[in-house]
Amino acid sequence: MSVLAIDQGTQSTRALRVDVKGNVEITRVIKHRQYYPQPGWVEHDPEELIANIQSCIEASPGVSAIGIDNQGESCLAWHADSKQALCPVIVWQDNRTHTVIEQLKADGHEARVLEISGLPLDSYFSASKLAWILQNCAEAKALLSQGKLKMGTTDAFFLDRLADRFVTDITTASRTSLLNLQTGCWDEELCDLFGVPLETLPEIVATTGDLGCMVSQGKRVPVKASIVDQQASLYGHDCRQVGDAKITFGTGAFALAITGSQPLRSPEQGLLPTVAWQLGSAAPMYALDGGVYCAGSAVEWGRKLGLFDDYAEINQFDRSSAIERDLVFVPALSGLACPHWDRRAAGIWVGLSLATDTRDLIQSVLEGVALRAAEVIRAMGEFATIGERISIDGGVSVNPYFCQFLANVLKRQVVVKPMAELTAIGTAQLAGADTVNFAEDDAAEKCYQPEIDMSHYLERFGDAVARSKNWRQ
């Protein structure tokens, strides 16, 4: 079966086709604009995203099934009849609801939210964003009173608009703070707490199945899979067994580890139980999720500061590690996610001196991203079985210095997946691509074995992290 995977991510929309012989082709990549209307706000234009998805479909004729992955927590509202968006997409990075979240914490609601949804109170998740839309969009308020309002994550908007199915898959629903993780249904108590009318939300369905049809060059093509991008990546990494884990280093860094048929709750470690996928009528598979807000974005920020010009310049360093020389960077440029969950944290360098140069600074940035990812894996390992092999992908995973440093800190084998499109590959596999033939260059994994035990530096790094916390007002 020929399958089209649409990877609708934070920075771009990508189309990957797998033909009947399993050959892989990228048919279109379209970047979209990032809007920052106020400090801490991040938005996308929903009509631009729809147009880009349609362009990806039209660029891939002759497919017999479509799978689509989405950004996860990004959300919006739209008209139930016209299906026109009422507001911009509020992106997962957006922090406009921080004060609301702090008030909910002050009022003592976090323990109950954790108990039901498995998620901490944080503006990262969709619930407070959806409530903000209802409170601040006059048209949304009016449509609610008329029974004409729909709200949800971007996947529900895409499927409603393009496939005529107002549904969201269970993996995406598990990222909202509105799902009862045990029942797999929207929770009335959580909807009331956040102020999100349950009747405006989409039906929750399995990851794979009948998700409507999208039109490609006049032909109706069935949508067979819909999933959060990081869960799609987990599937694309060939993680299937309990203990299998991957980290994707993109804008942020996202670690997921499969835990089995029951959700593991770990509020004291700051880890997130989440649905990995649900294949048709089978029971859901669960995972632990841990995110780092800034990974590749921190390295790119360093480039824009002028710390380096070309990425090839920072593949190796002719000096010992920065942390060995007491220089540490905490990449809390958008706050700290797992396991700290502190949006007030700020990015900091600790250990600067008159001898510090730009090479030291960017070396410490790379190490800081690796150390934050290692914090997440360490927290997971204290609570669940994590294998001795961690599979990674994403932009910074092509950096040999970064990968070796990560292996040293983790004391685990780090396996770099050379195929850059594992999220789309996972989506294609879920949509029915039985065989995927990688190009010769993409078939060979690169493995980094720990050469030096640097795990003790996590304590030193933890001291710097503590200094970064609660800095912003």
Protein backbone atom coordinates (compact mmCIF):
# COMPACT_ATOMS: atom_id res chain seq x y z
CA MET A 1 0.00 0.00 0.00
CA SER A 2 1.27 3.48 -0.90
CA VAL A 3 1.06 5.76 2.14
CA LEU A 4 1.46 9.51 2.61
CA ALA A 5 2.64 10.72 6.02
CA ILE A 6 2.08 14.38 6.84
CA ASP A 7 4.30 15.64 9.64
CA GLN A 8 2.76 18.91 10.83
CA GLY A 9 5.39 20.21 13.23
CA THR A 10 6.29 23.39 15.04
CA GLN A 11 8.46 24.79 12.27
CA SER A 12 7.20 23.13 9.09
CA THR A 13 4.81 20.75 7.39
CA ARG A 14 6.48 17.81 5.66
CA ALA A 15 5.13 15.17 3.28
CA LEU A 16 6.75 11.74 3.10
CA ARG A 17 5.49 9.07 0.71
CA VAL A 18 6.17 5.36 1.10
CA ASP A 19 5.35 3.48 -2.11
CA VAL A 20 4.11 -0.08 -2.47
CA LYS A 21 7.70 -1.39 -2.50
CA GLY A 22 8.59 0.50 0.67
CA ASN A 23 10.67 3.18 -1.02
CA VAL A 24 10.69 6.53 0.79
CA GLU A 25 10.43 9.95 -0.82
CA ILE A 26 10.09 13.42 0.69
CA THR A 27 7.58 15.08 -1.64
CA ARG A 28 7.25 18.49 -0.01
CA VAL A 29 8.57 20.57 2.89
CA ILE A 30 6.94 23.92 3.68
CA LYS A 31 8.00 26.16 6.55
CA HIS A 32 5.41 28.39 8.19
CA ARG A 33 5.75 31.67 10.04
CA GLN A 34 6.18 31.96 13.77
CA TYR A 35 4.33 34.86 15.39
CA TYR A 36 5.37 36.42 18.70
CA PRO A 37 2.75 39.13 19.38
CA GLN A 38 3.83 39.61 23.01
CA PRO A 39 6.64 38.30 25.20
CA GLY A 40 5.90 34.67 26.02
CA TRP A 41 3.27 34.34 23.29
CA VAL A 42 3.79 32.01 20.30
CA GLU A 43 1.22 31.65 17.54
CA HIS A 44 0.71 30.06 14.11
CA ASP A 45 -1.74 31.03 11.39
CA PRO A 46 -4.24 28.12 11.16
CA GLU A 47 -5.14 28.92 7.56
CA GLU A 48 -1.46 28.79 6.62
CA LEU A 49 -1.18 25.35 8.24
CA ILE A 50 -4.29 24.11 6.39
CA ALA A 51 -2.94 25.42 3.08
CA ASN A 52 0.41 23.73 3.71
CA ILE A 53 -1.23 20.39 4.49
CA GLN A 54 -3.30 20.62 1.32
CA SER A 55 -0.18 21.46 -0.67
CA CYS A 56 1.55 18.39 0.76
CA ILE A 57 -1.40 16.21 -0.23
CA GLU A 58 -1.49 17.59 -3.77
CA ALA A 59 2.26 17.02 -4.14
CA SER A 60 1.81 13.31 -3.40
CA PRO A 61 -0.75 11.88 -5.86
CA GLY A 62 -1.66 8.22 -6.12
CA VAL A 63 -1.45 7.28 -2.43
CA SER A 64 -3.98 4.89 -0.95
CA ALA A 65 -3.82 6.03 2.70
CA ILE A 66 -2.83 9.09 4.73
CA GLY A 67 -1.40 9.43 8.23
CA ILE A 68 -0.92 12.75 9.98
CA ASP A 69 0.96 13.73 13.10
CA ASN A 70 0.54 16.96 15.02
CA GLN A 71 2.27 19.34 17.43
CA GLY A 72 0.58 17.93 20.53
CA GLU A 73 -0.52 20.73 22.85
CA SER A 74 -1.07 23.50 20.26
CA CYS A 75 -4.76 24.41 20.03
CA LEU A 76 -7.45 26.78 18.71
CA ALA A 77 -11.20 27.35 18.28
CA TRP A 78 -13.30 27.32 15.12
CA HIS A 79 -16.86 27.69 13.78
CA ALA A 80 -18.79 24.43 13.85
CA ASP A 81 -20.57 25.12 10.53
CA SER A 82 -18.08 27.06 8.40
CA LYS A 83 -15.07 25.37 10.04
CA GLN A 84 -13.23 28.68 9.86
CA ALA A 85 -10.69 29.35 12.63
CA LEU A 86 -11.70 31.99 15.16
CA CYS A 87 -8.20 32.71 16.47
CA PRO A 88 -4.55 31.92 15.85
CA VAL A 89 -3.16 28.56 16.89
CA ILE A 90 -1.75 28.98 20.39
CA VAL A 91 1.46 26.97 20.20
CA TRP A 92 2.67 24.53 22.86
CA GLN A 93 5.56 26.90 23.69
CA ASP A 94 3.15 29.73 24.54
CA ASN A 95 3.13 30.89 28.16
CA ARG A 96 0.31 33.46 28.21
CA THR A 97 -1.70 31.51 30.79
CA HIS A 98 1.10 31.36 33.35
CA THR A 99 -0.73 33.53 35.90
CA VAL A 100 -3.86 31.40 35.63
CA ILE A 101 -1.81 28.28 36.24
CA GLU A 102 -0.12 29.87 39.26
CA GLN A 103 -3.53 30.76 40.71
CA LEU A 104 -4.78 27.20 40.25
CA LYS A 105 -1.69 25.99 42.08
CA ALA A 106 -2.21 28.52 44.86
CA ASP A 107 -5.81 27.33 45.19
CA GLY A 108 -4.59 23.77 45.75
CA HIS A 109 -5.75 22.12 42.52
CA GLU A 110 -2.49 20.61 41.27
CA ALA A 111 -2.75 17.32 43.16
CA ARG A 112 -6.22 16.66 41.77
CA VAL A 113 -5.18 17.51 38.21
CA LEU A 114 -2.22 15.15 38.57
CA GLU A 115 -4.44 12.42 39.95
CA ILE A 116 -6.90 12.53 37.05
CA SER A 117 -4.82 13.55 34.02
CA GLY A 118 -1.35 12.50 35.12
CA LEU A 119 -0.07 15.96 34.18
CA PRO A 120 1.20 18.81 36.35
CA LEU A 121 -0.36 22.24 36.17
CA ASP A 122 1.57 24.01 33.43
CA SER A 123 0.73 26.40 30.60
CA TYR A 124 2.49 23.94 28.26
CA PHE A 125 -0.69 21.86 28.08
CA SER A 126 -3.83 22.77 26.13
CA ALA A 127 -6.48 23.19 28.84
CA SER A 128 -5.59 26.68 30.06
CA LYS A 129 -4.97 27.81 26.46
CA LEU A 130 -8.45 26.69 25.39
CA ALA A 131 -9.97 28.50 28.38
CA TRP A 132 -8.03 31.64 27.47
CA ILE A 133 -9.49 31.56 23.95
CA LEU A 134 -13.02 31.32 25.30
CA GLN A 135 -12.40 34.19 27.71
CA ASN A 136 -10.73 36.49 25.20
CA CYS A 137 -12.37 35.75 21.84
CA ALA A 138 -15.77 37.47 21.60
CA GLU A 139 -16.81 35.38 18.60
CA ALA A 140 -16.03 32.16 20.46
CA LYS A 141 -18.24 33.29 23.36
CA ALA A 142 -21.09 34.11 21.00
CA LEU A 143 -20.83 30.80 19.15
CA LEU A 144 -20.77 28.87 22.44
CA SER A 145 -24.17 30.31 23.34
CA GLN A 146 -25.44 29.23 19.90
CA GLY A 147 -24.02 25.72 20.15
CA LYS A 148 -21.74 26.47 17.19
CA LEU A 149 -18.32 26.42 18.86
CA LYS A 150 -15.65 23.77 18.38
CA MET A 151 -12.35 23.77 20.25
CA GLY A 152 -9.41 21.46 20.42
CA THR A 153 -5.87 20.65 19.42
CA THR A 154 -4.72 21.21 15.85
CA ASP A 155 -5.29 17.58 14.82
CA ALA A 156 -9.03 17.94 15.48
CA PHE A 157 -9.11 21.13 13.39
CA PHE A 158 -7.25 19.49 10.51
CA LEU A 159 -9.45 16.38 10.53
CA ASP A 160 -12.70 18.34 10.87
CA ARG A 161 -11.77 20.75 8.09
CA LEU A 162 -10.15 18.32 5.65
CA ALA A 163 -11.65 14.91 6.48
CA ASP A 164 -15.05 15.92 7.93
CA ARG A 165 -14.39 14.09 11.20
CA PHE A 166 -14.47 16.07 14.46
CA VAL A 167 -12.18 13.71 16.37
CA THR A 168 -8.88 13.67 18.21
CA ASP A 169 -6.76 10.62 18.86
CA ILE A 170 -6.13 9.47 22.39
CA THR A 171 -2.40 10.36 22.35
CA THR A 172 -3.22 14.00 21.59
CA ALA A 173 -6.06 14.06 24.10
CA SER A 174 -3.61 12.86 26.75
CA ARG A 175 -1.63 16.12 26.24
CA THR A 176 -4.49 18.47 27.11
CA SER A 177 -4.90 18.09 30.91
CA LEU A 178 -8.57 17.36 30.21
CA LEU A 179 -8.35 13.59 29.66
CA ASN A 180 -9.00 11.11 32.42
CA LEU A 181 -5.96 8.92 31.88
CA GLN A 182 -7.59 5.87 33.41
CA THR A 183 -10.88 5.95 31.47
CA GLY A 184 -9.58 7.47 28.21
CA CYS A 185 -12.48 9.97 28.21
CA TRP A 186 -12.81 13.70 28.69
CA ASP A 187 -13.14 14.41 32.40
CA GLU A 188 -16.04 16.65 33.43
CA GLU A 189 -14.33 17.77 36.63
CA LEU A 190 -11.21 18.93 34.78
CA CYS A 191 -13.27 20.67 32.11
CA ASP A 192 -15.15 22.56 34.82
CA LEU A 193 -11.95 23.43 36.68
CA PHE A 194 -10.25 24.94 33.63
CA GLY A 195 -13.44 26.42 32.16
CA VAL A 196 -13.53 24.42 28.93
CA PRO A 197 -17.06 23.32 27.93
CA LEU A 198 -16.93 19.57 27.37
CA GLU A 199 -19.48 19.79 24.56
CA THR A 200 -17.06 21.86 22.45
CA LEU A 201 -14.40 19.13 22.44
CA PRO A 202 -13.93 16.45 19.75
CA GLU A 203 -14.67 12.75 20.11
CA ILE A 204 -11.67 10.75 21.34
CA VAL A 205 -10.71 7.88 19.03
CA ALA A 206 -7.89 5.37 18.61
CA THR A 207 -4.64 6.32 16.89
CA THR A 208 -5.39 4.07 13.91
CA GLY A 209 -8.67 3.34 12.18
CA ASP A 210 -11.26 5.15 10.08
CA LEU A 211 -10.54 8.85 10.44
CA GLY A 212 -12.41 10.12 7.41
CA CYS A 213 -11.08 10.96 3.95
CA MET A 214 -9.03 13.81 2.55
CA VAL A 215 -9.21 14.83 -1.10
CA SER A 216 -6.14 14.52 -3.32
CA GLN A 217 -6.53 15.70 -6.93
CA GLY A 218 -10.23 14.90 -6.88
CA LYS A 219 -9.80 11.49 -5.25
CA ARG A 220 -10.91 10.68 -1.70
CA VAL A 221 -8.08 9.10 0.27
CA PRO A 222 -8.77 7.51 3.69
CA VAL A 223 -6.98 8.85 6.75
CA LYS A 224 -5.75 5.81 8.67
CA ALA A 225 -3.66 7.31 11.49
CA SER A 226 -3.47 10.46 13.60
CA ILE A 227 -0.99 10.90 16.44
CA VAL A 228 1.17 13.36 18.38
CA ASP A 229 4.51 13.94 16.63
CA GLN A 230 6.65 12.67 19.52
CA GLN A 231 4.66 9.46 19.81
CA ALA A 232 4.99 9.01 16.05
CA SER A 233 8.72 9.46 16.48
CA LEU A 234 8.76 6.81 19.22
CA TYR A 235 7.10 4.39 16.81
CA GLY A 236 9.48 5.38 14.02
CA HIS A 237 12.45 4.66 16.31
CA ASP A 238 11.18 1.08 16.43
CA CYS A 239 10.54 1.36 20.15
CA ARG A 240 7.95 -1.32 20.89
CA GLN A 241 8.99 -3.05 24.14
CA VAL A 242 8.88 -1.91 27.75
CA GLY A 243 12.07 0.03 28.48
CA ASP A 244 12.67 1.14 24.89
CA ALA A 245 13.42 4.86 24.90
CA LYS A 246 14.17 7.63 22.43
CA ILE A 247 15.05 11.32 22.56
CA THR A 248 14.26 13.65 19.69
CA PHE A 249 16.35 16.81 19.68
CA GLY A 250 14.41 19.39 17.75
CA THR A 251 13.29 22.83 18.89
CA GLY A 252 13.00 21.18 22.29
CA ALA A 253 14.18 17.75 23.39
CA PHE A 254 11.54 15.10 23.99
CA ALA A 255 12.26 11.80 25.68
CA LEU A 256 9.73 8.97 25.70
CA ALA A 257 10.04 5.50 27.16
CA ILE A 258 7.50 2.70 26.78
CA THR A 259 6.09 1.50 30.10
CA GLY A 260 3.41 -1.00 29.07
CA SER A 261 -0.35 -1.43 29.25
CA GLN A 262 -0.90 0.68 32.37
CA PRO A 263 0.06 4.33 32.95
CA LEU A 264 2.87 4.85 35.45
CA ARG A 265 2.35 7.92 37.59
CA SER A 266 5.42 9.72 38.88
CA PRO A 267 4.50 13.18 40.20
CA GLU A 268 7.47 13.33 42.55
CA GLN A 269 9.86 12.86 39.60
CA GLY A 270 8.01 15.37 37.43
CA LEU A 271 7.51 12.76 34.70
CA LEU A 272 4.41 12.62 32.55
CA PRO A 273 2.47 9.42 31.95
CA THR A 274 1.07 9.62 28.44
CA VAL A 275 -0.55 7.41 25.85
CA ALA A 276 2.03 6.13 23.37
CA TRP A 277 -0.60 4.89 20.91
CA GLN A 278 -3.76 2.86 20.59
CA LEU A 279 -3.89 0.58 17.58
CA GLY A 280 -7.49 0.12 16.53
CA SER A 281 -9.55 -1.75 19.10
CA ALA A 282 -6.49 -2.89 21.10
CA ALA A 283 -5.80 -1.50 24.56
CA PRO A 284 -3.65 1.65 24.70
CA MET A 285 0.11 1.43 25.14
CA TYR A 286 1.53 3.90 27.64
CA ALA A 287 4.81 5.77 27.95
CA LEU A 288 6.64 8.14 30.23
CA ASP A 289 7.32 11.52 28.68
CA GLY A 290 9.88 14.10 29.67
CA GLY A 291 10.47 17.33 27.78
CA VAL A 292 13.17 19.99 27.61
CA TYR A 293 11.80 23.26 26.27
CA CYS A 294 14.98 24.47 24.56
CA ALA A 295 17.41 22.15 22.76
CA GLY A 296 18.11 22.90 19.12
CA SER A 297 16.61 26.35 19.69
CA ALA A 298 19.28 27.04 22.33
CA VAL A 299 22.08 26.07 19.93
CA GLU A 300 20.55 28.20 17.16
CA TRP A 301 20.26 31.06 19.66
CA GLY A 302 23.98 30.69 20.28
CA ARG A 303 24.65 30.91 16.55
CA LYS A 304 22.59 34.09 16.28
CA LEU A 305 24.58 35.56 19.16
CA GLY A 306 27.69 35.03 17.04
CA LEU A 307 29.21 32.22 19.11
CA PHE A 308 29.81 30.30 15.86
CA ASP A 309 29.00 30.67 12.16
CA ASP A 310 28.79 27.16 10.76
CA TYR A 311 27.53 24.06 12.57
CA ALA A 312 30.57 22.10 11.38
CA GLU A 313 32.69 24.37 13.61
CA ILE A 314 31.23 22.87 16.79
CA ASN A 315 31.54 19.16 15.99
CA GLN A 316 34.75 18.89 18.02
CA PHE A 317 36.59 20.90 20.67
CA ASP A 318 40.33 20.93 21.39
CA ARG A 319 39.79 21.31 25.12
CA SER A 320 38.28 19.39 28.00
CA SER A 321 34.55 19.64 28.60
CA ALA A 322 33.25 22.98 29.82
CA ILE A 323 31.69 21.49 32.94
CA GLU A 324 35.04 19.94 33.91
CA ARG A 325 36.33 23.50 33.86
CA ASP A 326 33.42 24.69 36.04
CA LEU A 327 31.55 26.41 33.19
CA VAL A 328 27.88 25.45 33.00
CA PHE A 329 25.00 26.67 30.85
CA VAL A 330 21.39 25.97 31.84
CA PRO A 331 19.21 26.15 28.68
CA ALA A 332 16.13 27.42 30.54
CA LEU A 333 15.48 30.06 27.88
CA SER A 334 11.75 29.24 28.01
CA GLY A 335 11.76 27.94 31.57
CA LEU A 336 12.32 24.39 32.79
CA ALA A 337 10.11 21.45 31.90
CA CYS A 338 10.62 17.90 33.23
CA PRO A 339 11.42 17.19 36.01
CA HIS A 340 11.37 20.75 37.44
CA TRP A 341 8.29 22.37 35.83
CA ASP A 342 9.33 25.94 36.52
CA ARG A 343 8.31 28.53 33.92
CA ARG A 344 10.00 31.24 35.99
CA ALA A 345 13.42 29.70 35.49
CA ALA A 346 15.81 31.59 33.22
CA GLY A 347 18.77 30.56 31.10
CA ILE A 348 22.06 31.21 32.86
CA TRP A 349 25.79 30.71 32.55
CA VAL A 350 27.62 29.89 35.77
CA GLY A 351 31.40 29.97 35.95
CA LEU A 352 32.25 32.79 33.54
CA SER A 353 35.69 34.34 33.84
CA LEU A 354 37.94 36.69 31.89
CA ALA A 355 39.43 33.64 30.23
CA THR A 356 36.07 32.44 28.86
CA ASP A 357 35.83 32.69 25.06
CA THR A 358 33.10 32.06 22.50
CA ARG A 359 34.20 28.45 22.00
CA ASP A 360 33.75 27.82 25.72
CA LEU A 361 30.30 29.37 25.61
CA ILE A 362 28.94 27.31 22.74
CA GLN A 363 30.58 24.16 24.12
CA SER A 364 28.71 24.74 27.37
CA VAL A 365 25.46 25.29 25.47
CA LEU A 366 25.80 21.87 23.80
CA GLU A 367 26.63 20.28 27.13
CA GLY A 368 23.72 22.05 28.83
CA VAL A 369 21.24 20.56 26.36
CA ALA A 370 22.76 17.09 26.87
CA LEU A 371 22.72 17.45 30.64
CA ARG A 372 19.06 18.51 30.66
CA ALA A 373 18.18 15.46 28.56
CA ALA A 374 20.22 13.30 30.94
CA GLU A 375 18.26 14.72 33.88
CA VAL A 376 15.08 13.48 32.23
CA ILE A 377 16.45 9.99 31.53
CA ARG A 378 17.84 9.74 35.07
CA ALA A 379 14.42 10.64 36.49
CA MET A 380 12.80 8.00 34.29
CA GLY A 381 15.36 5.38 35.34
CA GLU A 382 14.60 5.97 39.01
CA PHE A 383 10.98 5.05 38.43
CA ALA A 384 10.77 2.68 35.46
CA THR A 385 12.84 0.22 33.49
CA ILE A 386 14.98 2.02 30.90
CA GLY A 387 17.18 0.03 28.56
CA GLU A 388 20.93 0.46 28.23
CA ARG A 389 20.47 1.82 24.73
CA ILE A 390 18.96 5.25 24.02
CA SER A 391 17.92 6.01 20.44
CA ILE A 392 18.21 9.67 19.41
CA ASP A 393 17.48 11.80 16.38
CA GLY A 394 17.06 15.43 15.42
CA GLY A 395 19.32 18.29 14.43
CA VAL A 396 21.88 18.26 17.22
CA SER A 397 22.22 14.46 17.02
CA VAL A 398 24.55 14.91 14.01
CA ASN A 399 27.08 16.61 16.30
CA PRO A 400 29.74 14.03 17.37
CA TYR A 401 30.85 16.02 20.41
CA PHE A 402 27.27 16.30 21.68
CA CYS A 403 26.54 12.59 21.16
CA GLN A 404 29.70 11.40 22.91
CA PHE A 405 29.17 13.78 25.80
CA LEU A 406 25.57 12.54 26.13
CA ALA A 407 26.72 8.89 26.19
CA ASN A 408 29.30 9.73 28.86
CA VAL A 409 26.76 11.50 31.07
CA LEU A 410 24.07 8.85 30.61
CA LYS A 411 26.49 5.91 31.00
CA ARG A 412 24.49 4.31 28.20
CA GLN A 413 24.97 3.54 24.55
CA VAL A 414 23.61 6.37 22.42
CA VAL A 415 22.37 5.24 19.02
CA VAL A 416 21.94 7.93 16.38
CA LYS A 417 19.26 7.21 13.84
CA PRO A 418 20.56 8.65 10.57
CA MET A 419 17.15 8.90 8.95
CA ALA A 420 16.02 12.45 9.59
CA GLU A 421 12.32 11.74 9.11
CA LEU A 422 11.55 9.24 11.85
CA THR A 423 8.42 11.11 12.94
CA ALA A 424 6.97 10.86 9.44
CA ILE A 425 8.22 7.27 9.10
CA GLY A 426 6.39 6.31 12.30
CA THR A 427 3.25 8.03 11.05
CA ALA A 428 3.48 6.17 7.73
CA GLN A 429 3.94 2.83 9.52
CA LEU A 430 0.91 3.50 11.69
CA ALA A 431 -1.11 4.38 8.59
CA GLY A 432 -0.31 1.03 6.99
CA ALA A 433 3.15 1.15 5.42
CA ASP A 434 4.28 -2.41 6.13
CA THR A 435 7.77 -2.04 4.63
CA VAL A 436 10.11 0.93 4.73
CA ASN A 437 13.32 0.71 2.74
CA PHE A 438 15.95 3.12 3.98
CA ALA A 439 18.59 4.46 1.67
CA GLU A 440 22.03 2.91 2.25
CA ASP A 441 23.24 6.04 4.04
CA ASP A 442 20.17 5.97 6.27
CA ALA A 443 20.37 2.27 7.13
CA ALA A 444 23.54 2.43 9.22
CA GLU A 445 23.17 3.53 12.81
CA LYS A 446 26.01 5.36 14.53
CA CYS A 447 26.68 4.15 18.05
CA TYR A 448 28.44 6.05 20.82
CA GLN A 449 29.65 4.02 23.77
CA PRO A 450 30.37 5.78 27.07
CA GLU A 451 34.11 6.41 27.21
CA ILE A 452 34.33 8.27 30.52
CA ASP A 453 31.89 8.14 33.43
CA MET A 454 30.65 11.72 33.62
CA SER A 455 27.36 10.96 35.37
CA HIS A 456 28.61 12.63 38.56
CA TYR A 457 28.51 15.97 36.73
CA LEU A 458 24.73 15.83 36.88
CA GLU A 459 25.01 16.88 40.52
CA ARG A 460 27.15 19.88 39.55
CA PHE A 461 24.69 20.72 36.81
CA GLY A 462 21.83 20.38 39.28
CA ASP A 463 23.40 23.11 41.41
CA ALA A 464 23.37 25.45 38.42
CA VAL A 465 19.78 24.50 37.62
CA ALA A 466 18.75 25.40 41.16
CA ARG A 467 20.28 28.85 40.66
CA SER A 468 18.23 29.36 37.48
CA LYS A 469 14.88 28.71 39.13
CA ASN A 470 12.22 31.30 40.01
CA TRP A 471 14.21 34.10 38.40
CA ARG A 472 11.50 35.69 36.25
CA GLN A 473 8.65 37.58 37.86
